[in-house]
PDB file of N, CA and C in Angstrom:
ATOM      1  N   MET A   1       8.852  10.396  21.689  1.00  0.00           N
ATOM      2  CA  MET A   1       8.376   9.790  20.357  1.00  0.00           C
ATOM      3  C   MET A   1       9.387   9.110  19.718  1.00  0.00           C
ATOM      4  N   ALA A   2       9.149   7.814  19.205  1.00  0.00           N
ATOM      5  CA  ALA A   2      10.199   7.054  18.456  1.00  0.00           C
ATOM      6  C   ALA A   2       9.646   7.156  16.950  1.00  0.00           C
ATOM      7  N   ASN A   3      10.682   7.415  16.072  1.00  0.00           N
ATOM      8  CA  ASN A   3      10.401   7.251  14.559  1.00  0.00           C
ATOM      9  C   ASN A   3      11.307   6.219  14.182  1.00  0.00           C
ATOM     10  N   THR A   4      10.587   5.242  13.337  1.00  0.00           N
ATOM     11  CA  THR A   4      11.245   4.126  12.875  1.00  0.00           C
ATOM     12  C   THR A   4      10.945   3.901  11.344  1.00  0.00           C
ATOM     13  N   PHE A   5      12.003   3.919  10.537  1.00  0.00           N
ATOM     14  CA  PHE A   5      11.849   3.663   9.161  1.00  0.00           C
ATOM     15  C   PHE A   5      11.687   2.283   8.813  1.00  0.00           C
ATOM     16  N   LYS A   6      10.798   1.823   7.971  1.00  0.00           N
ATOM     17  CA  LYS A   6      10.590   0.330   7.682  1.00  0.00           C
ATOM     18  C   LYS A   6      10.404   0.216   6.174  1.00  0.00           C
ATOM     19  N   LEU A   7      10.687  -1.041   5.695  1.00  0.00           N
ATOM     20  CA  LEU A   7      10.465  -1.432   4.434  1.00  0.00           C
ATOM     21  C   LEU A   7       9.530  -2.601   4.532  1.00  0.00           C
ATOM     22  N   LYS A   8       8.398  -2.563   3.781  1.00  0.00           N
ATOM     23  CA  LYS A   8       7.527  -3.685   3.770  1.00  0.00           C
ATOM     24  C   LYS A   8       7.279  -4.136   2.372  1.00  0.00           C
ATOM     25  N   THR A   9       7.577  -5.550   2.075  1.00  0.00           N
ATOM     26  CA  THR A   9       7.479  -5.961   0.771  1.00  0.00           C
ATOM     27  C   THR A   9       6.538  -7.231   0.683  1.00  0.00           C
ATOM     28  N   LYS A  10       6.079  -7.378  -0.409  1.00  0.00           N
ATOM     29  CA  LYS A  10       5.251  -8.709  -0.684  1.00  0.00           C
ATOM     30  C   LYS A  10       5.476  -9.150  -2.092  1.00  0.00           C
ATOM     31  N   ALA A  11       5.904 -10.304  -2.440  1.00  0.00           N
ATOM     32  CA  ALA A  11       6.072 -10.746  -3.725  1.00  0.00           C
ATOM     33  C   ALA A  11       5.064 -11.744  -4.410  1.00  0.00           C
ATOM     34  N   GLY A  12       4.888 -11.599  -5.703  1.00  0.00           N
ATOM     35  CA  GLY A  12       3.869 -12.440  -6.241  1.00  0.00           C
ATOM     36  C   GLY A  12       2.484 -12.222  -5.966  1.00  0.00           C
ATOM     37  N   VAL A  13       2.065 -10.969  -5.747  1.00  0.00           N
ATOM     38  CA  VAL A  13       0.623 -10.687  -5.362  1.00  0.00           C
ATOM     39  C   VAL A  13      -0.204 -10.817  -6.606  1.00  0.00           C
ATOM     40  N   THR A  14      -1.413 -11.522  -6.416  1.00  0.00           N
ATOM     41  CA  THR A  14      -2.435 -11.602  -7.543  1.00  0.00           C
ATOM     42  C   THR A  14      -3.708 -11.168  -7.052  1.00  0.00           C
ATOM     43  N   SER A  15      -4.167 -12.043  -6.100  1.00  0.00           N
ATOM     44  CA  SER A  15      -5.455 -11.729  -5.535  1.00  0.00           C
ATOM     45  C   SER A  15      -5.204 -10.721  -4.360  1.00  0.00           C
ATOM     46  N   LEU A  16      -6.384 -10.301  -3.945  1.00  0.00           N
ATOM     47  CA  LEU A  16      -6.331  -9.201  -2.809  1.00  0.00           C
ATOM     48  C   LEU A  16      -5.492  -9.554  -1.638  1.00  0.00           C
ATOM     49  N   ALA A  17      -4.419  -8.824  -1.276  1.00  0.00           N
ATOM     50  CA  ALA A  17      -3.594  -9.223  -0.223  1.00  0.00           C
ATOM     51  C   ALA A  17      -3.239  -8.068   0.544  1.00  0.00           C
ATOM     52  N   ASP A  18      -2.992  -8.205   1.976  1.00  0.00           N
ATOM     53  CA  ASP A  18      -2.664  -7.251   2.837  1.00  0.00           C
ATOM     54  C   ASP A  18      -1.145  -7.104   2.781  1.00  0.00           C
ATOM     55  N   VAL A  19      -0.667  -5.893   2.514  1.00  0.00           N
ATOM     56  CA  VAL A  19       0.730  -5.690   2.356  1.00  0.00           C
ATOM     57  C   VAL A  19       1.345  -5.113   3.693  1.00  0.00           C
ATOM     58  N   TYR A  20       0.589  -4.290   4.394  1.00  0.00           N
ATOM     59  CA  TYR A  20       1.005  -3.592   5.508  1.00  0.00           C
ATOM     60  C   TYR A  20      -0.192  -3.192   6.334  1.00  0.00           C
ATOM     61  N   THR A  21      -0.078  -3.598   7.678  1.00  0.00           N
ATOM     62  CA  THR A  21      -1.160  -3.155   8.672  1.00  0.00           C
ATOM     63  C   THR A  21      -0.437  -2.407   9.681  1.00  0.00           C
ATOM     64  N   VAL A  22      -1.054  -1.122  10.030  1.00  0.00           N
ATOM     65  CA  VAL A  22      -0.377  -0.417  11.082  1.00  0.00           C
ATOM     66  C   VAL A  22      -0.492  -0.951  12.458  1.00  0.00           C
ATOM     67  N   PRO A  23       0.582  -1.100  13.204  1.00  0.00           N
ATOM     68  CA  PRO A  23       0.550  -1.753  14.565  1.00  0.00           C
ATOM     69  C   PRO A  23      -0.232  -0.826  15.421  1.00  0.00           C
ATOM     70  N   SER A  24      -0.625  -1.428  16.622  1.00  0.00           N
ATOM     71  CA  SER A  24      -1.296  -0.682  17.756  1.00  0.00           C
ATOM     72  C   SER A  24      -0.338   0.458  18.245  1.00  0.00           C
ATOM     73  N   ASN A  25      -1.021   1.420  18.653  1.00  0.00           N
ATOM     74  CA  ASN A  25      -0.301   2.612  19.284  1.00  0.00           C
ATOM     75  C   ASN A  25       0.661   3.198  18.297  1.00  0.00           C
ATOM     76  N   THR A  26       0.348   3.226  17.154  1.00  0.00           N
ATOM     77  CA  THR A  26       1.366   3.737  15.996  1.00  0.00           C
ATOM     78  C   THR A  26       0.613   4.548  14.878  1.00  0.00           C
ATOM     79  N   THR A  27       1.206   5.580  14.494  1.00  0.00           N
ATOM     80  CA  THR A  27       0.795   6.419  13.284  1.00  0.00           C
ATOM     81  C   THR A  27       1.969   6.047  12.233  1.00  0.00           C
ATOM     82  N   ALA A  28       1.395   5.848  10.952  1.00  0.00           N
ATOM     83  CA  ALA A  28       2.406   5.436  10.040  1.00  0.00           C
ATOM     84  C   ALA A  28       2.259   6.627   8.853  1.00  0.00           C
ATOM     85  N   LEU A  29       3.351   6.775   8.265  1.00  0.00           N
ATOM     86  CA  LEU A  29       3.517   7.652   6.990  1.00  0.00           C
ATOM     87  C   LEU A  29       4.101   6.848   5.862  1.00  0.00           C
ATOM     88  N   ILE A  30       3.322   6.588   4.843  1.00  0.00           N
ATOM     89  CA  ILE A  30       3.929   5.938   3.684  1.00  0.00           C
ATOM     90  C   ILE A  30       4.693   6.959   2.850  1.00  0.00           C
ATOM     91  N   ILE A  31       5.959   6.892   2.792  1.00  0.00           N
ATOM     92  CA  ILE A  31       6.702   7.893   2.031  1.00  0.00           C
ATOM     93  C   ILE A  31       7.139   7.544   0.790  1.00  0.00           C
ATOM     94  N   GLY A  32       6.749   6.382   0.229  1.00  0.00           N
ATOM     95  CA  GLY A  32       6.975   5.925  -1.072  1.00  0.00           C
ATOM     96  C   GLY A  32       6.534   4.496  -1.285  1.00  0.00           C
ATOM     97  N   GLY A  33       6.393   4.109  -2.565  1.00  0.00           N
ATOM     98  CA  GLY A  33       6.050   2.748  -2.886  1.00  0.00           C
ATOM     99  C   GLY A  33       6.062   2.402  -4.173  1.00  0.00           C
ATOM    100  N   TYR A  34       6.227   1.145  -4.533  1.00  0.00           N
ATOM    101  CA  TYR A  34       6.202   0.652  -5.958  1.00  0.00           C
ATOM    102  C   TYR A  34       5.387  -0.556  -6.026  1.00  0.00           C
ATOM    103  N   VAL A  35       4.708  -0.732  -7.278  1.00  0.00           N
ATOM    104  CA  VAL A  35       4.072  -1.958  -7.500  1.00  0.00           C
ATOM    105  C   VAL A  35       4.678  -2.343  -8.964  1.00  0.00           C
ATOM    106  N   GLY A  36       5.457  -3.508  -9.055  1.00  0.00           N
ATOM    107  CA  GLY A  36       6.059  -3.860 -10.243  1.00  0.00           C
ATOM    108  C   GLY A  36       5.524  -5.092 -10.851  1.00  0.00           C
ATOM    109  N   ASN A  37       5.372  -5.002 -12.060  1.00  0.00           N
ATOM    110  CA  ASN A  37       4.810  -6.140 -13.125  1.00  0.00           C
ATOM    111  C   ASN A  37       5.967  -7.262 -13.100  1.00  0.00           C
ATOM    112  N   THR A  38       5.673  -8.461 -12.646  1.00  0.00           N
ATOM    113  CA  THR A  38       6.652  -9.538 -12.827  1.00  0.00           C
ATOM    114  C   THR A  38       6.207 -10.544 -13.858  1.00  0.00           C
ATOM    115  N   THR A  39       5.287 -10.178 -14.672  1.00  0.00           N
ATOM    116  CA  THR A  39       4.957 -11.208 -15.672  1.00  0.00           C
ATOM    117  C   THR A  39       5.414 -10.783 -17.026  1.00  0.00           C
ATOM    118  N   THR A  40       5.176 -11.672 -18.038  1.00  0.00           N
ATOM    119  CA  THR A  40       5.527 -11.514 -19.353  1.00  0.00           C
ATOM    120  C   THR A  40       4.610 -10.617 -20.230  1.00  0.00           C
ATOM    121  N   SER A  41       3.431 -10.147 -19.619  1.00  0.00           N
ATOM    122  CA  SER A  41       2.484  -9.286 -20.442  1.00  0.00           C
ATOM    123  C   SER A  41       1.991  -8.156 -19.476  1.00  0.00           C
ATOM    124  N   GLY A  42       1.267  -7.307 -20.157  1.00  0.00           N
ATOM    125  CA  GLY A  42       0.746  -6.161 -19.420  1.00  0.00           C
ATOM    126  C   GLY A  42      -0.338  -6.575 -18.403  1.00  0.00           C
ATOM    127  N   ILE A  43      -0.461  -5.965 -17.265  1.00  0.00           N
ATOM    128  CA  ILE A  43      -1.518  -6.269 -16.277  1.00  0.00           C
ATOM    129  C   ILE A  43      -1.961  -5.066 -15.754  1.00  0.00           C
ATOM    130  N   ASN A  44      -2.961  -5.217 -14.792  1.00  0.00           N
ATOM    131  CA  ASN A  44      -3.706  -3.969 -13.996  1.00  0.00           C
ATOM    132  C   ASN A  44      -3.612  -4.420 -12.643  1.00  0.00           C
ATOM    133  N   ALA A  45      -3.399  -3.205 -11.760  1.00  0.00           N
ATOM    134  CA  ALA A  45      -3.243  -3.357 -10.384  1.00  0.00           C
ATOM    135  C   ALA A  45      -4.191  -2.263  -9.643  1.00  0.00           C
ATOM    136  N   THR A  46      -4.628  -2.689  -8.434  1.00  0.00           N
ATOM    137  CA  THR A  46      -5.562  -1.912  -7.688  1.00  0.00           C
ATOM    138  C   THR A  46      -4.807  -1.854  -6.270  1.00  0.00           C
ATOM    139  N   VAL A  47      -4.753  -0.527  -5.658  1.00  0.00           N
ATOM    140  CA  VAL A  47      -4.397  -0.480  -4.328  1.00  0.00           C
ATOM    141  C   VAL A  47      -5.343   0.163  -3.535  1.00  0.00           C
ATOM    142  N   THR A  48      -5.603  -0.495  -2.476  1.00  0.00           N
ATOM    143  CA  THR A  48      -6.713  -0.020  -1.479  1.00  0.00           C
ATOM    144  C   THR A  48      -6.157   0.434  -0.097  1.00  0.00           C
ATOM    145  N   VAL A  49      -6.633   1.295   0.419  1.00  0.00           N
ATOM    146  CA  VAL A  49      -6.457   1.639   1.989  1.00  0.00           C
ATOM    147  C   VAL A  49      -7.671   1.373   2.669  1.00  0.00           C
ATOM    148  N   SER A  50      -7.630   0.492   3.568  1.00  0.00           N
ATOM    149  CA  SER A  50      -8.765   0.125   4.333  1.00  0.00           C
ATOM    150  C   SER A  50      -8.522   0.620   5.848  1.00  0.00           C
ATOM    151  N   SER A  51      -9.597   1.484   6.160  1.00  0.00           N
ATOM    152  CA  SER A  51      -9.591   2.161   7.411  1.00  0.00           C
ATOM    153  C   SER A  51     -10.856   1.892   8.189  1.00  0.00           C
ATOM    154  N   ASP A  52     -10.685   1.400   9.390  1.00  0.00           N
ATOM    155  CA  ASP A  52     -11.975   1.298  10.403  1.00  0.00           C
ATOM    156  C   ASP A  52     -11.663   2.128  11.535  1.00  0.00           C
ATOM    157  N   THR A  53     -10.732   3.111  11.487  1.00  0.00           N
ATOM    158  CA  THR A  53     -10.404   3.911  12.553  1.00  0.00           C
ATOM    159  C   THR A  53     -11.465   4.521  13.272  1.00  0.00           C
ATOM    160  N   SER A  54     -11.617   4.410  14.482  1.00  0.00           N
ATOM    161  CA  SER A  54     -12.610   5.168  15.372  1.00  0.00           C
ATOM    162  C   SER A  54     -12.405   6.686  15.324  1.00  0.00           C
ATOM    163  N   ASP A  55     -13.226   7.524  14.693  1.00  0.00           N
ATOM    164  CA  ASP A  55     -12.774   8.869  14.582  1.00  0.00           C
ATOM    165  C   ASP A  55     -14.227   9.603  14.481  1.00  0.00           C
ATOM    166  N   THR A  56     -14.016  10.912  14.194  1.00  0.00           N
ATOM    167  CA  THR A  56     -15.340  11.691  14.113  1.00  0.00           C
ATOM    168  C   THR A  56     -15.878  11.595  12.829  1.00  0.00           C
ATOM    169  N   GLU A  57     -15.144  11.089  11.817  1.00  0.00           N
ATOM    170  CA  GLU A  57     -15.504  10.880  10.416  1.00  0.00           C
ATOM    171  C   GLU A  57     -15.848   9.471  10.181  1.00  0.00           C
ATOM    172  N   THR A  58     -16.573   9.314   9.159  1.00  0.00           N
ATOM    173  CA  THR A  58     -16.749   7.704   8.805  1.00  0.00           C
ATOM    174  C   THR A  58     -15.563   7.342   7.866  1.00  0.00           C
ATOM    175  N   ASN A  59     -14.806   6.314   8.185  1.00  0.00           N
ATOM    176  CA  ASN A  59     -13.844   5.782   7.440  1.00  0.00           C
ATOM    177  C   ASN A  59     -14.261   4.658   6.600  1.00  0.00           C
ATOM    178  N   ALA A  60     -13.670   4.331   5.428  1.00  0.00           N
ATOM    179  CA  ALA A  60     -14.043   3.318   4.569  1.00  0.00           C
ATOM    180  C   ALA A  60     -12.891   2.861   3.883  1.00  0.00           C
ATOM    181  N   ASP A  61     -13.057   1.667   3.067  1.00  0.00           N
ATOM    182  CA  ASP A  61     -12.061   1.320   2.160  1.00  0.00           C
ATOM    183  C   ASP A  61     -12.112   2.289   0.936  1.00  0.00           C
ATOM    184  N   VAL A  62     -10.937   2.740   0.419  1.00  0.00           N
ATOM    185  CA  VAL A  62     -10.954   3.512  -0.732  1.00  0.00           C
ATOM    186  C   VAL A  62      -9.723   2.977  -1.450  1.00  0.00           C
ATOM    187  N   GLU A  63      -9.962   3.148  -2.743  1.00  0.00           N
ATOM    188  CA  GLU A  63      -9.024   2.584  -3.811  1.00  0.00           C
ATOM    189  C   GLU A  63      -8.148   3.900  -4.251  1.00  0.00           C
ATOM    190  N   ILE A  64      -6.770   3.705  -4.022  1.00  0.00           N
ATOM    191  CA  ILE A  64      -5.952   4.744  -4.302  1.00  0.00           C
ATOM    192  C   ILE A  64      -5.647   4.737  -5.798  1.00  0.00           C
ATOM    193  N   ILE A  65      -5.520   3.648  -6.327  1.00  0.00           N
ATOM    194  CA  ILE A  65      -5.553   3.343  -7.807  1.00  0.00           C
ATOM    195  C   ILE A  65      -6.444   2.087  -8.071  1.00  0.00           C
ATOM    196  N   THR A  66      -7.100   2.219  -9.225  1.00  0.00           N
ATOM    197  CA  THR A  66      -8.029   1.181  -9.556  1.00  0.00           C
ATOM    198  C   THR A  66      -7.667   0.774 -11.054  1.00  0.00           C
ATOM    199  N   ASN A  67      -7.274  -0.541 -11.099  1.00  0.00           N
ATOM    200  CA  ASN A  67      -6.985  -1.181 -12.346  1.00  0.00           C
ATOM    201  C   ASN A  67      -6.251  -0.304 -13.307  1.00  0.00           C
ATOM    202  N   ALA A  68      -5.013   0.208 -12.455  1.00  0.00           N
ATOM    203  CA  ALA A  68      -3.975   0.981 -13.300  1.00  0.00           C
ATOM    204  C   ALA A  68      -3.112  -0.046 -14.140  1.00  0.00           C
ATOM    205  N   PRO A  69      -2.902   0.278 -15.293  1.00  0.00           N
ATOM    206  CA  PRO A  69      -2.084  -0.621 -16.241  1.00  0.00           C
ATOM    207  C   PRO A  69      -0.628  -0.576 -15.956  1.00  0.00           C
ATOM    208  N   ILE A  70      -0.036  -1.597 -15.921  1.00  0.00           N
ATOM    209  CA  ILE A  70       1.417  -1.792 -15.622  1.00  0.00           C
ATOM    210  C   ILE A  70       1.928  -2.623 -16.878  1.00  0.00           C
ATOM    211  N   PRO A  71       2.790  -1.990 -17.727  1.00  0.00           N
ATOM    212  CA  PRO A  71       3.384  -2.733 -18.852  1.00  0.00           C
ATOM    213  C   PRO A  71       4.419  -3.665 -18.379  1.00  0.00           C
ATOM    214  N   VAL A  72       4.854  -4.579 -19.283  1.00  0.00           N
ATOM    215  CA  VAL A  72       5.862  -5.633 -19.020  1.00  0.00           C
ATOM    216  C   VAL A  72       7.048  -4.922 -18.438  1.00  0.00           C
ATOM    217  N   GLY A  73       7.653  -5.413 -17.426  1.00  0.00           N
ATOM    218  CA  GLY A  73       8.891  -4.844 -16.840  1.00  0.00           C
ATOM    219  C   GLY A  73       8.586  -3.505 -16.133  1.00  0.00           C
ATOM    220  N   GLY A  74       7.418  -3.071 -16.002  1.00  0.00           N
ATOM    221  CA  GLY A  74       7.048  -1.630 -15.617  1.00  0.00           C
ATOM    222  C   GLY A  74       6.716  -1.641 -14.074  1.00  0.00           C
ATOM    223  N   THR A  75       6.663  -0.412 -13.563  1.00  0.00           N
ATOM    224  CA  THR A  75       6.208  -0.241 -12.241  1.00  0.00           C
ATOM    225  C   THR A  75       5.273   0.989 -12.152  1.00  0.00           C
ATOM    226  N   ILE A  76       4.568   1.023 -11.050  1.00  0.00           N
ATOM    227  CA  ILE A  76       3.720   2.250 -10.828  1.00  0.00           C
ATOM    228  C   ILE A  76       4.008   2.615  -9.282  1.00  0.00           C
ATOM    229  N   GLN A  77       3.832   3.937  -9.063  1.00  0.00           N
ATOM    230  CA  GLN A  77       3.888   4.537  -7.762  1.00  0.00           C
ATOM    231  C   GLN A  77       2.532   4.898  -7.372  1.00  0.00           C
ATOM    232  N   PRO A  78       1.934   3.962  -6.537  1.00  0.00           N
ATOM    233  CA  PRO A  78       0.501   4.303  -6.265  1.00  0.00           C
ATOM    234  C   PRO A  78       0.150   5.572  -5.294  1.00  0.00           C
ATOM    235  N   PHE A  79       1.210   6.061  -4.607  1.00  0.00           N
ATOM    236  CA  PHE A  79       1.033   7.281  -3.864  1.00  0.00           C
ATOM    237  C   PHE A  79       1.675   8.383  -4.539  1.00  0.00           C
ATOM    238  N   GLY A  80       2.347   8.168  -5.726  1.00  0.00           N
ATOM    239  CA  GLY A  80       2.913   9.293  -6.419  1.00  0.00           C
ATOM    240  C   GLY A  80       4.008   9.894  -5.670  1.00  0.00           C
ATOM    241  N   SER A  81       4.080  11.175  -5.775  1.00  0.00           N
ATOM    242  CA  SER A  81       5.065  11.912  -5.018  1.00  0.00           C
ATOM    243  C   SER A  81       4.572  12.432  -3.669  1.00  0.00           C
ATOM    244  N   GLY A  82       3.254  12.013  -3.539  1.00  0.00           N
ATOM    245  CA  GLY A  82       2.610  12.407  -2.079  1.00  0.00           C
ATOM    246  C   GLY A  82       2.909  11.442  -1.041  1.00  0.00           C
ATOM    247  N   LYS A  83       2.366  11.758   0.117  1.00  0.00           N
ATOM    248  CA  LYS A  83       2.560  10.891   1.281  1.00  0.00           C
ATOM    249  C   LYS A  83       1.120  10.344   1.729  1.00  0.00           C
ATOM    250  N   GLN A  84       1.067   9.295   2.392  1.00  0.00           N
ATOM    251  CA  GLN A  84      -0.173   8.870   2.983  1.00  0.00           C
ATOM    252  C   GLN A  84      -0.137   8.551   4.387  1.00  0.00           C
ATOM    253  N   VAL A  85      -0.902   9.323   5.216  1.00  0.00           N
ATOM    254  CA  VAL A  85      -0.909   9.083   6.653  1.00  0.00           C
ATOM    255  C   VAL A  85      -1.935   7.938   6.928  1.00  0.00           C
ATOM    256  N   LEU A  86      -1.399   7.068   7.746  1.00  0.00           N
ATOM    257  CA  LEU A  86      -2.322   5.775   8.223  1.00  0.00           C
ATOM    258  C   LEU A  86      -2.288   5.822   9.925  1.00  0.00           C
ATOM    259  N   GLN A  87      -3.490   5.438  10.334  1.00  0.00           N
ATOM    260  CA  GLN A  87      -3.491   5.293  11.783  1.00  0.00           C
ATOM    261  C   GLN A  87      -3.549   3.668  12.173  1.00  0.00           C
ATOM    262  N   THR A  88      -3.531   3.522  13.367  1.00  0.00           N
ATOM    263  CA  THR A  88      -3.624   2.130  13.929  1.00  0.00           C
ATOM    264  C   THR A  88      -4.743   1.427  13.326  1.00  0.00           C
ATOM    265  N   THR A  89      -4.404   0.110  12.963  1.00  0.00           N
ATOM    266  CA  THR A  89      -5.214  -0.829  12.282  1.00  0.00           C
ATOM    267  C   THR A  89      -5.508  -0.623  10.748  1.00  0.00           C
ATOM    268  N   ASP A  90      -5.158   0.552  10.217  1.00  0.00           N
ATOM    269  CA  ASP A  90      -5.352   0.728   8.780  1.00  0.00           C
ATOM    270  C   ASP A  90      -4.495  -0.181   7.996  1.00  0.00           C
ATOM    271  N   ILE A  91      -5.017  -0.569   6.889  1.00  0.00           N
ATOM    272  CA  ILE A  91      -4.374  -1.650   6.042  1.00  0.00           C
ATOM    273  C   ILE A  91      -4.063  -1.272   4.673  1.00  0.00           C
ATOM    274  N   VAL A  92      -2.983  -1.444   4.018  1.00  0.00           N
ATOM    275  CA  VAL A  92      -2.820  -1.306   2.607  1.00  0.00           C
ATOM    276  C   VAL A  92      -2.793  -2.647   1.961  1.00  0.00           C
ATOM    277  N   LYS A  93      -3.641  -2.670   0.977  1.00  0.00           N
ATOM    278  CA  LYS A  93      -3.878  -3.989   0.265  1.00  0.00           C
ATOM    279  C   LYS A  93      -3.613  -3.670  -1.227  1.00  0.00           C
ATOM    280  N   VAL A  94      -3.254  -4.860  -1.884  1.00  0.00           N
ATOM    281  CA  VAL A  94      -2.945  -4.749  -3.334  1.00  0.00           C
ATOM    282  C   VAL A  94      -3.590  -6.018  -3.938  1.00  0.00           C
ATOM    283  N   SER A  95      -4.137  -5.810  -5.230  1.00  0.00           N
ATOM    284  CA  SER A  95      -4.506  -6.948  -6.075  1.00  0.00           C
ATOM    285  C   SER A  95      -4.093  -6.725  -7.503  1.00  0.00           C
ATOM    286  N   ALA A  96      -4.041  -7.702  -8.361  1.00  0.00           N
ATOM    287  CA  ALA A  96      -3.585  -7.400  -9.617  1.00  0.00           C
ATOM    288  C   ALA A  96      -4.114  -8.597 -10.558  1.00  0.00           C
ATOM    289  N   SER A  97      -4.205  -8.407 -11.870  1.00  0.00           N
ATOM    290  CA  SER A  97      -4.607  -9.336 -12.719  1.00  0.00           C
ATOM    291  C   SER A  97      -3.488 -10.244 -13.106  1.00  0.00           C
ATOM    292  N   GLY A  98      -2.284 -10.137 -12.676  1.00  0.00           N
ATOM    293  CA  GLY A  98      -1.117 -10.955 -12.874  1.00  0.00           C
ATOM    294  C   GLY A  98      -0.174 -10.677 -11.682  1.00  0.00           C
ATOM    295  N   ALA A  99       0.837 -11.409 -11.695  1.00  0.00           N
ATOM    296  CA  ALA A  99       1.791 -11.263 -10.407  1.00  0.00           C
ATOM    297  C   ALA A  99       2.488  -9.902 -10.395  1.00  0.00           C
ATOM    298  N   VAL A 100       2.458  -9.371  -9.145  1.00  0.00           N
ATOM    299  CA  VAL A 100       3.242  -8.064  -8.985  1.00  0.00           C
ATOM    300  C   VAL A 100       3.997  -8.088  -7.658  1.00  0.00           C
ATOM    301  N   ASP A 101       5.068  -7.489  -7.569  1.00  0.00           N
ATOM    302  CA  ASP A 101       5.766  -7.342  -6.306  1.00  0.00           C
ATOM    303  C   ASP A 101       5.522  -5.895  -5.832  1.00  0.00           C
ATOM    304  N   VAL A 102       5.529  -5.834  -4.507  1.00  0.00           N
ATOM    305  CA  VAL A 102       5.145  -4.563  -3.840  1.00  0.00           C
ATOM    306  C   VAL A 102       6.202  -4.264  -2.811  1.00  0.00           C
ATOM    307  N   SER A 103       6.582  -2.857  -2.856  1.00  0.00           N
ATOM    308  CA  SER A 103       7.571  -2.431  -1.868  1.00  0.00           C
ATOM    309  C   SER A 103       7.147  -1.089  -1.280  1.00  0.00           C
ATOM    310  N   LEU A 104       6.961  -0.983  -0.126  1.00  0.00           N
ATOM    311  CA  LEU A 104       6.515   0.287   0.558  1.00  0.00           C
ATOM    312  C   LEU A 104       7.626   0.696   1.667  1.00  0.00           C
ATOM    313  N   SER A 105       7.839   2.033   1.524  1.00  0.00           N
ATOM    314  CA  SER A 105       8.798   2.615   2.518  1.00  0.00           C
ATOM    315  C   SER A 105       7.885   3.454   3.517  1.00  0.00           C
ATOM    316  N   ILE A 106       8.137   3.137   4.773  1.00  0.00           N
ATOM    317  CA  ILE A 106       7.154   3.544   5.783  1.00  0.00           C
ATOM    318  C   ILE A 106       7.879   4.245   6.961  1.00  0.00           C
ATOM    319  N   LEU A 107       7.384   5.303   7.506  1.00  0.00           N
ATOM    320  CA  LEU A 107       7.891   5.829   8.855  1.00  0.00           C
ATOM    321  C   LEU A 107       6.853   5.507   9.756  1.00  0.00           C
ATOM    322  N   GLU A 108       7.217   4.720  10.733  1.00  0.00           N
ATOM    323  CA  GLU A 108       6.342   4.506  11.879  1.00  0.00           C
ATOM    324  C   GLU A 108       6.660   5.300  13.039  1.00  0.00           C
ATOM    325  N   ILE A 109       5.535   6.112  13.644  1.00  0.00           N
ATOM    326  CA  ILE A 109       5.759   6.992  14.787  1.00  0.00           C
ATOM    327  C   ILE A 109       5.083   6.378  15.874  1.00  0.00           C
ATOM    328  N   THR A 110       5.607   6.238  17.006  1.00  0.00           N
ATOM    329  CA  THR A 110       5.163   5.688  18.222  1.00  0.00           C
ATOM    330  C   THR A 110       5.437   6.526  19.468  1.00  0.00           C
ATOM    331  N   PRO A 111       4.504   6.546  20.418  1.00  0.00           N
ATOM    332  CA  PRO A 111       4.625   7.476  21.595  1.00  0.00           C
ATOM    333  C   PRO A 111       5.895   6.971  22.468  1.00  0.00           C
TER     334      PRO A 111
END
């Protein structure tokens, strides 16, 4: 098994945007992340995990945070101090009411 640490970033996100999609034959672990306000006023941000993984359970899009306020010059940690496991084809998406920069620290695990 190969373990690879990755950094995925996206700048200037306003409308719903894919920040990270888990590659095929990969399990990913988000080990940290930030969403930072780059505007001159307070804004709100939403982080969604989209999962269509074929499994025994029904997977759906879920909002990790919804319209979370971010003050001028501030950041939020959408996954807090916890971790998020993702499977092949799962997607992390971000939207905001003003421009935000997104940074995700990820561990990809491949066979």
